[in-house]
C-alpha atoms as a PDB file:
ATOM      1  CA  MET A   1      95.288 158.221 136.905  1.00  0.00           C
ATOM      2  CA  ARG A   2      95.821 160.950 139.513  1.00  0.00           C
ATOM      3  CA  ARG A   3      93.263 161.725 142.163  1.00  0.00           C
ATOM      4  CA  ILE A   4      92.707 164.763 144.311  1.00  0.00           C
ATOM      5  CA  PRO A   5      91.948 162.925 147.523  1.00  0.00           C
ATOM      6  CA  ILE A   6      90.903 164.704 150.610  1.00  0.00           C
ATOM      7  CA  LEU A   7      90.815 161.725 152.886  1.00  0.00           C
ATOM      8  CA  THR A   8      88.278 163.277 155.209  1.00  0.00           C
ATOM      9  CA  GLY A   9      85.760 160.833 153.770  1.00  0.00           C
ATOM     10  CA  LEU A  10      87.916 157.996 155.077  1.00  0.00           C
ATOM     11  CA  ILE A  11      89.162 159.678 158.193  1.00  0.00           C
ATOM     12  CA  LEU A  12      87.430 160.844 161.308  1.00  0.00           C
ATOM     13  CA  ILE A  13      89.366 163.397 163.245  1.00  0.00           C
ATOM     14  CA  ALA A  14      89.697 162.535 166.916  1.00  0.00           C
ATOM     15  CA  THR A  15      90.948 165.025 169.468  1.00  0.00           C
ATOM     16  CA  ALA A  16      92.778 162.564 171.701  1.00  0.00           C
ATOM     17  CA  ALA A  17      94.203 160.275 169.019  1.00  0.00           C
ATOM     18  CA  PRO A  18      96.148 161.440 165.972  1.00  0.00           C
ATOM     19  CA  VAL A  19      93.680 159.905 163.523  1.00  0.00           C
ATOM     20  CA  ALA A  20      91.043 157.198 163.398  1.00  0.00           C
ATOM     21  CA  ALA A  21      90.114 155.578 160.121  1.00  0.00           C
ATOM     22  CA  ALA A  22      86.368 155.295 159.577  1.00  0.00           C
ATOM     23  CA  SER A  23      86.472 152.432 157.088  1.00  0.00           C
ATOM     24  CA  GLY A  24      90.045 151.388 157.723  1.00  0.00           C
ATOM     25  CA  LYS A  25      92.422 150.956 160.572  1.00  0.00           C
ATOM     26  CA  PHE A  26      95.503 152.283 162.235  1.00  0.00           C
ATOM     27  CA  VAL A  27      98.414 150.018 161.336  1.00  0.00           C
ATOM     28  CA  GLU A  28     101.496 151.367 163.084  1.00  0.00           C
ATOM     29  CA  ARG A  29     103.109 154.540 164.406  1.00  0.00           C
ATOM     30  CA  PHE A  30     106.647 155.457 163.368  1.00  0.00           C
ATOM     31  CA  ALA A  31     107.840 158.390 165.503  1.00  0.00           C
ATOM     32  CA  ASP A  32     105.929 161.408 164.089  1.00  0.00           C
ATOM     33  CA  TRP A  33     104.219 159.551 161.217  1.00  0.00           C
ATOM     34  CA  SER A  34     101.542 156.858 161.210  1.00  0.00           C
ATOM     35  CA  ALA A  35     100.410 154.256 158.688  1.00  0.00           C
ATOM     36  CA  TYR A  36      96.730 153.501 157.995  1.00  0.00           C
ATOM     37  CA  VAL A  37      94.828 151.161 155.677  1.00  0.00           C
ATOM     38  CA  GLY A  38      91.304 151.847 154.473  1.00  0.00           C
ATOM     39  CA  GLU A  39      89.139 149.644 152.305  1.00  0.00           C
ATOM     40  CA  SER A  40      85.841 150.185 150.587  1.00  0.00           C
ATOM     41  CA  ALA A  41      83.950 147.920 148.237  1.00  0.00           C
ATOM     42  CA  ALA A  42      85.536 149.745 145.311  1.00  0.00           C
ATOM     43  CA  ASN A  43      89.083 150.501 146.434  1.00  0.00           C
ATOM     44  CA  LYS A  44      91.843 150.019 148.976  1.00  0.00           C
ATOM     45  CA  VAL A  45      93.983 152.915 150.169  1.00  0.00           C
ATOM     46  CA  CYS A  46      97.050 153.005 152.388  1.00  0.00           C
ATOM     47  CA  PHE A  47      98.422 156.251 153.702  1.00  0.00           C
ATOM     48  CA  ALA A  48     101.184 157.723 155.811  1.00  0.00           C
ATOM     49  CA  ILE A  49      99.968 160.712 157.777  1.00  0.00           C
ATOM     50  CA  SER A  50     101.320 163.357 160.123  1.00  0.00           C
ATOM     51  CA  GLN A  51     100.243 166.563 161.825  1.00  0.00           C
ATOM     52  CA  PRO A  52     102.392 169.664 162.274  1.00  0.00           C
ATOM     53  CA  LYS A  53     104.529 170.055 165.388  1.00  0.00           C
ATOM     54  CA  ASP A  54     103.961 173.811 165.289  1.00  0.00           C
ATOM     55  CA  THR A  55     101.646 176.231 163.486  1.00  0.00           C
ATOM     56  CA  LYS A  56     101.855 180.003 163.078  1.00  0.00           C
ATOM     57  CA  PRO A  57     100.253 182.400 163.631  1.00  0.00           C
ATOM     58  CA  LYS A  58      98.825 181.010 166.854  1.00  0.00           C
ATOM     59  CA  ASN A  59      95.705 183.190 166.873  1.00  0.00           C
ATOM     60  CA  VAL A  60      94.230 181.818 163.615  1.00  0.00           C
ATOM     61  CA  LYS A  61      91.207 179.530 163.969  1.00  0.00           C
ATOM     62  CA  ARG A  62      91.741 176.394 161.862  1.00  0.00           C
ATOM     63  CA  GLY A  63      90.292 172.965 161.473  1.00  0.00           C
ATOM     64  CA  PRO A  64      92.413 169.798 161.606  1.00  0.00           C
ATOM     65  CA  ILE A  65      95.707 169.907 159.673  1.00  0.00           C
ATOM     66  CA  TYR A  66      97.207 166.788 158.044  1.00  0.00           C
ATOM     67  CA  PHE A  67      99.877 165.829 155.520  1.00  0.00           C
ATOM     68  CA  TYR A  68      99.074 162.607 153.623  1.00  0.00           C
ATOM     69  CA  ILE A  69     101.005 160.322 151.313  1.00  0.00           C
ATOM     70  CA  SER A  70      98.624 157.785 149.786  1.00  0.00           C
ATOM     71  CA  HIS A  71      98.815 154.580 147.764  1.00  0.00           C
ATOM     72  CA  TRP A  72      95.744 153.524 145.743  1.00  0.00           C
ATOM     73  CA  PRO A  73      96.753 150.088 144.339  1.00  0.00           C
ATOM     74  CA  GLY A  74      93.446 149.600 142.470  1.00  0.00           C
ATOM     75  CA  ASP A  75      94.199 152.739 140.446  1.00  0.00           C
ATOM     76  CA  LYS A  76      97.947 152.011 140.237  1.00  0.00           C
ATOM     77  CA  VAL A  77      98.709 155.245 142.128  1.00  0.00           C
ATOM     78  CA  GLN A  78     101.566 155.390 144.624  1.00  0.00           C
ATOM     79  CA  GLY A  79     103.029 158.273 146.569  1.00  0.00           C
ATOM     80  CA  GLU A  80     100.148 160.697 146.077  1.00  0.00           C
ATOM     81  CA  ILE A  81     100.586 163.778 148.242  1.00  0.00           C
ATOM     82  CA  SER A  82      97.789 165.864 149.689  1.00  0.00           C
ATOM     83  CA  ILE A  83      97.642 168.363 152.516  1.00  0.00           C
ATOM     84  CA  LYS A  84      94.583 169.373 154.509  1.00  0.00           C
ATOM     85  CA  VAL A  85      95.353 172.842 155.861  1.00  0.00           C
ATOM     86  CA  GLY A  86      92.284 173.454 158.025  1.00  0.00           C
ATOM     87  CA  TYR A  87      90.881 176.533 156.261  1.00  0.00           C
ATOM     88  CA  PRO A  88      89.780 177.552 152.747  1.00  0.00           C
ATOM     89  CA  LEU A  89      92.831 178.433 150.673  1.00  0.00           C
ATOM     90  CA  LYS A  90      93.067 181.471 148.431  1.00  0.00           C
ATOM     91  CA  PRO A  91      92.253 180.371 144.864  1.00  0.00           C
ATOM     92  CA  ASN A  92      95.099 180.429 142.323  1.00  0.00           C
ATOM     93  CA  THR A  93      97.667 180.919 145.088  1.00  0.00           C
ATOM     94  CA  PRO A  94     100.056 177.979 145.498  1.00  0.00           C
ATOM     95  CA  THR A  95     100.979 176.446 148.815  1.00  0.00           C
ATOM     96  CA  GLU A  96     104.730 176.034 149.316  1.00  0.00           C
ATOM     97  CA  VAL A  97     106.543 173.091 150.891  1.00  0.00           C
ATOM     98  CA  VAL A  98     110.158 173.666 151.949  1.00  0.00           C
ATOM     99  CA  ILE A  99     112.597 170.939 153.000  1.00  0.00           C
ATOM    100  CA  GLY A 100     116.123 172.245 153.466  1.00  0.00           C
ATOM    101  CA  LYS A 101     117.015 174.027 150.211  1.00  0.00           C
ATOM    102  CA  ASP A 102     114.264 172.259 148.228  1.00  0.00           C
ATOM    103  CA  LYS A 103     111.032 174.158 147.508  1.00  0.00           C
ATOM    104  CA  PHE A 104     107.853 172.760 145.988  1.00  0.00           C
ATOM    105  CA  LYS A 105     104.755 174.643 144.811  1.00  0.00           C
ATOM    106  CA  LEU A 106     101.438 172.828 145.251  1.00  0.00           C
ATOM    107  CA  PHE A 107      98.151 173.825 143.666  1.00  0.00           C
ATOM    108  CA  THR A 108      95.186 174.409 145.928  1.00  0.00           C
ATOM    109  CA  LYS A 109      91.529 173.493 145.994  1.00  0.00           C
ATOM    110  CA  ASP A 110      89.241 174.351 148.900  1.00  0.00           C
ATOM    111  CA  GLU A 111      91.144 173.293 152.068  1.00  0.00           C
ATOM    112  CA  GLY A 112      93.639 171.095 150.222  1.00  0.00           C
ATOM    113  CA  ALA A 113      97.010 171.407 148.520  1.00  0.00           C
ATOM    114  CA  PHE A 114      98.161 168.923 145.883  1.00  0.00           C
ATOM    115  CA  VAL A 115     101.146 168.126 143.664  1.00  0.00           C
ATOM    116  CA  ASP A 116     100.528 168.435 139.933  1.00  0.00           C
ATOM    117  CA  SER A 117     102.734 165.572 138.668  1.00  0.00           C
ATOM    118  CA  THR A 118     104.085 162.195 139.713  1.00  0.00           C
ATOM    119  CA  GLU A 119     107.636 163.397 138.982  1.00  0.00           C
ATOM    120  CA  THR A 120     107.266 166.259 141.468  1.00  0.00           C
ATOM    121  CA  GLU A 121     105.715 163.890 144.031  1.00  0.00           C
ATOM    122  CA  LYS A 122     108.721 161.586 143.705  1.00  0.00           C
ATOM    123  CA  ARG A 123     111.139 164.510 144.214  1.00  0.00           C
ATOM    124  CA  LEU A 124     109.146 165.760 147.211  1.00  0.00           C
ATOM    125  CA  ILE A 125     109.046 162.317 148.820  1.00  0.00           C
ATOM    126  CA  ALA A 126     112.811 161.906 148.236  1.00  0.00           C
ATOM    127  CA  ALA A 127     113.405 165.273 149.929  1.00  0.00           C
ATOM    128  CA  MET A 128     111.149 164.247 152.810  1.00  0.00           C
ATOM    129  CA  THR A 129     112.929 160.935 153.397  1.00  0.00           C
ATOM    130  CA  GLY A 130     116.291 162.734 153.316  1.00  0.00           C
ATOM    131  CA  GLY A 131     115.232 165.628 155.536  1.00  0.00           C
ATOM    132  CA  SER A 132     114.450 166.187 159.186  1.00  0.00           C
ATOM    133  CA  GLU A 133     111.887 168.990 158.996  1.00  0.00           C
ATOM    134  CA  MET A 134     109.324 170.253 156.499  1.00  0.00           C
ATOM    135  CA  ILE A 135     107.674 173.679 156.376  1.00  0.00           C
ATOM    136  CA  VAL A 136     104.288 174.180 154.673  1.00  0.00           C
ATOM    137  CA  GLN A 137     103.086 177.719 153.965  1.00  0.00           C
ATOM    138  CA  GLY A 138      99.628 178.533 152.672  1.00  0.00           C
ATOM    139  CA  ARG A 139      97.485 181.621 152.259  1.00  0.00           C
ATOM    140  CA  SER A 140      93.848 181.680 153.321  1.00  0.00           C
ATOM    141  CA  LYS A 141      90.984 183.172 151.323  1.00  0.00           C
ATOM    142  CA  ARG A 142      91.199 186.121 153.753  1.00  0.00           C
ATOM    143  CA  GLY A 143      94.895 186.605 152.970  1.00  0.00           C
ATOM    144  CA  THR A 144      96.420 185.195 156.167  1.00  0.00           C
ATOM    145  CA  LEU A 145      99.758 183.432 155.647  1.00  0.00           C
ATOM    146  CA  THR A 146     100.139 180.309 157.795  1.00  0.00           C
ATOM    147  CA  THR A 147     103.281 178.307 158.450  1.00  0.00           C
ATOM    148  CA  ASP A 148     103.154 174.678 159.603  1.00  0.00           C
ATOM    149  CA  ARG A 149     106.281 172.846 160.754  1.00  0.00           C
ATOM    150  CA  TYR A 150     106.307 169.054 160.401  1.00  0.00           C
ATOM    151  CA  SER A 151     108.837 166.590 161.751  1.00  0.00           C
ATOM    152  CA  LEU A 152     110.018 164.068 159.179  1.00  0.00           C
ATOM    153  CA  ASN A 153     111.113 161.608 161.855  1.00  0.00           C
ATOM    154  CA  GLY A 154     109.592 158.243 160.913  1.00  0.00           C
ATOM    155  CA  ILE A 155     108.515 159.093 157.359  1.00  0.00           C
ATOM    156  CA  GLY A 156     110.761 156.458 155.749  1.00  0.00           C
ATOM    157  CA  ALA A 157     109.442 153.631 157.930  1.00  0.00           C
ATOM    158  CA  ALA A 158     105.819 154.755 157.446  1.00  0.00           C
ATOM    159  CA  LEU A 159     106.288 154.780 153.667  1.00  0.00           C
ATOM    160  CA  LYS A 160     107.814 151.286 153.733  1.00  0.00           C
ATOM    161  CA  ARG A 161     104.846 150.046 155.722  1.00  0.00           C
ATOM    162  CA  ILE A 162     102.203 151.447 153.362  1.00  0.00           C
ATOM    163  CA  ALA A 163     104.155 150.060 150.388  1.00  0.00           C
ATOM    164  CA  LYS A 164     103.982 146.634 152.045  1.00  0.00           C
ATOM    165  CA  ASP A 165     100.220 146.881 152.644  1.00  0.00           C
ATOM    166  CA  CYS A 166      99.407 148.493 149.269  1.00  0.00           C
ATOM    167  CA  PRO A 167     102.020 147.300 146.764  1.00  0.00           C
END
């Protein structure tokens, strides 16, 4: 069963800290990625999370921006990718993730971008763990193209940690 999680229900955005989990906790930081565990009465979720190192254009007003990789052991879901881009995305216009020569198209809903299959998620995660930088491009409802640059330093260790906490 695939979800379309926007973890904002589990996550409170803090200006000084990268992220604070409302019903979970920070587990460990691995360079530019962090591991968190959240639990509710119904489900446990573990996620690796990062924010972009750079965003363009600079003059665009946006909310918080996060890239998540989540494990939901109660639903037997691992490696679920979601991106919170910080503005409403243009409907029916995919968001693109580029790692080296690899390109991935994600479908959009509201302020989120998501992968449509587990096979594509596995390929994207493999590219991430083998890469050093990831570029995410999305188009707002108003037509503005944004480019977010993420470091992939620490992604492998963060993924190992969430796999340990949410097997």
